[in-house]
Amino acid sequence: MTFTDDDPGTFDIDFRVDVMCRTRSNALCLSAGGYMAFYPTRMPFHHRSANLGDSDPFGALVAEARKLDMHVMARVDPHAIHADAAEAHPEWLARDEHGEPIEHDSMPGSTGPTPSAPN
């Protein structure tokens, strides 16, 4: 399951647990973080979902999956980075052959200027 930023505000754990039961799932691969955290975190540069509030959808689903004796895998998606993290840690950025940051198509502006095309 892949969380999006608005999922913590509309998260229906009973529905998701019902789906896992009806499909006889034996494993859960779930968004844990990367660009955005779906659980409470104080880790520097690991931005929490704006809709997280006091909730912990990642932790709640992990707990329910374990009650069902399921294997749980945490998915970390490093495809993009917030500007403050890019500025503080430029070594975290993917770079092109010219050493320029590679901007991800789904997150324009997330890693700085778009690299210019080679001549």
Protein backbone atom coordinates (compact mmCIF):
# COMPACT_ATOMS: atom_id res chain seq x y z
CA MET A 1 0.00 0.00 0.00
CA THR A 2 1.25 3.41 -0.88
CA PHE A 3 0.11 6.31 1.27
CA THR A 4 -0.35 9.77 -0.19
CA ASP A 5 -0.23 13.04 1.76
CA ASP A 6 -4.01 13.19 2.28
CA ASP A 7 -4.43 9.56 3.42
CA PRO A 8 -3.79 10.24 7.12
CA GLY A 9 -6.83 12.55 7.14
CA THR A 10 -9.15 10.02 5.48
CA PHE A 11 -7.56 6.74 6.57
CA ASP A 12 -10.06 3.90 7.17
CA ILE A 13 -8.15 1.13 8.90
CA ASP A 14 -11.19 -1.14 9.18
CA PHE A 15 -11.63 -1.11 5.40
CA ARG A 16 -7.97 -1.91 4.79
CA VAL A 17 -7.93 -4.72 7.37
CA ASP A 18 -11.11 -6.16 5.81
CA VAL A 19 -9.44 -6.18 2.39
CA MET A 20 -6.39 -7.97 3.80
CA CYS A 21 -8.65 -10.58 5.44
CA ARG A 22 -10.87 -11.12 2.38
CA THR A 23 -7.86 -11.48 0.07
CA ARG A 24 -6.12 -13.81 2.54
CA SER A 25 -3.04 -11.62 2.33
CA ASN A 26 0.05 -12.96 4.04
CA ALA A 27 2.29 -9.91 3.62
CA LEU A 28 1.99 -6.14 3.64
CA CYS A 29 4.37 -3.73 1.95
CA LEU A 30 3.53 -0.29 3.28
CA SER A 31 4.78 3.27 2.78
CA ALA A 32 6.97 4.13 5.74
CA GLY A 33 8.68 7.27 4.55
CA GLY A 34 11.29 8.77 2.33
CA TYR A 35 10.01 12.08 1.05
CA MET A 36 7.28 12.11 3.66
CA ALA A 37 6.66 10.28 6.95
CA PHE A 38 3.36 8.56 7.64
CA TYR A 39 4.13 8.11 11.33
CA PRO A 40 5.25 10.48 14.08
CA THR A 41 8.89 11.44 13.59
CA ARG A 42 11.30 14.05 14.87
CA MET A 43 14.10 13.02 12.50
CA PRO A 44 15.67 16.10 10.90
CA PHE A 45 14.54 16.69 7.29
CA HIS A 46 11.98 13.86 7.45
CA HIS A 47 8.80 15.82 6.86
CA ARG A 48 5.60 14.49 8.36
CA SER A 49 2.48 14.31 6.22
CA ALA A 50 0.62 17.60 6.67
CA ASN A 51 -2.52 15.57 7.51
CA LEU A 52 -0.89 13.29 10.08
CA GLY A 53 -1.95 15.22 13.17
CA ASP A 54 -1.60 12.87 16.15
CA SER A 55 -2.26 9.76 14.07
CA ASP A 56 0.11 6.96 13.11
CA PRO A 57 -1.39 5.16 10.09
CA PHE A 58 1.82 3.25 9.45
CA GLY A 59 2.00 1.95 13.01
CA ALA A 60 -1.71 1.14 13.10
CA LEU A 61 -1.57 -0.94 9.93
CA VAL A 62 1.60 -2.73 11.05
CA ALA A 63 -0.10 -3.67 14.34
CA GLU A 64 -3.21 -4.98 12.55
CA ALA A 65 -1.17 -6.92 10.00
CA ARG A 66 0.84 -8.57 12.76
CA LYS A 67 -2.41 -9.59 14.50
CA LEU A 68 -3.20 -11.41 11.23
CA ASP A 69 0.24 -13.10 11.36
CA MET A 70 1.32 -11.24 8.21
CA HIS A 71 4.85 -10.36 7.18
CA VAL A 72 5.37 -6.59 7.06
CA MET A 73 7.80 -4.74 4.81
CA ALA A 74 8.40 -1.01 5.16
CA ARG A 75 8.65 0.78 1.81
CA VAL A 76 10.92 3.83 1.74
CA ASP A 77 10.56 6.04 -1.31
CA PRO A 78 13.62 8.25 -1.88
CA HIS A 79 12.42 9.64 -5.23
CA ALA A 80 12.33 13.28 -4.12
CA ILE A 81 13.61 15.54 -1.36
CA HIS A 82 12.39 18.73 0.27
CA ALA A 83 14.36 21.89 -0.50
CA ASP A 84 15.62 22.33 3.08
CA ALA A 85 17.07 18.81 3.07
CA ALA A 86 18.62 19.34 -0.38
CA GLU A 87 20.27 22.54 0.82
CA ALA A 88 21.58 20.98 4.03
CA HIS A 89 22.67 17.71 2.37
CA PRO A 90 23.46 18.19 -1.34
CA GLU A 91 25.26 14.83 -1.22
CA TRP A 92 21.84 13.14 -0.92
CA LEU A 93 20.82 14.23 -4.43
CA ALA A 94 21.00 12.14 -7.57
CA ARG A 95 23.12 13.94 -10.14
CA ASP A 96 23.46 13.85 -13.91
CA GLU A 97 26.71 13.44 -15.86
CA HIS A 98 27.43 17.18 -15.40
CA GLY A 99 27.02 17.01 -11.63
CA GLU A 100 23.68 18.85 -11.67
CA PRO A 101 20.80 17.67 -9.46
CA ILE A 102 18.29 15.47 -11.27
CA GLU A 103 14.78 16.75 -10.73
CA HIS A 104 12.06 14.12 -10.42
CA ASP A 105 9.13 14.58 -12.81
CA SER A 106 6.55 14.16 -10.04
CA MET A 107 8.17 16.77 -7.79
CA PRO A 108 9.19 19.79 -9.88
CA GLY A 109 11.35 22.13 -7.86
CA SER A 110 12.07 19.57 -5.16
CA THR A 111 15.81 19.34 -5.85
CA GLY A 112 16.60 22.77 -7.22
CA PRO A 113 16.76 23.94 -10.81
CA THR A 114 16.07 21.57 -13.66
CA PRO A 115 19.36 20.47 -15.23
CA SER A 116 20.00 22.02 -18.61
CA ALA A 117 20.06 19.72 -21.61
CA PRO A 118 23.49 18.69 -22.90
CA ASN A 119 24.71 20.62 -25.97
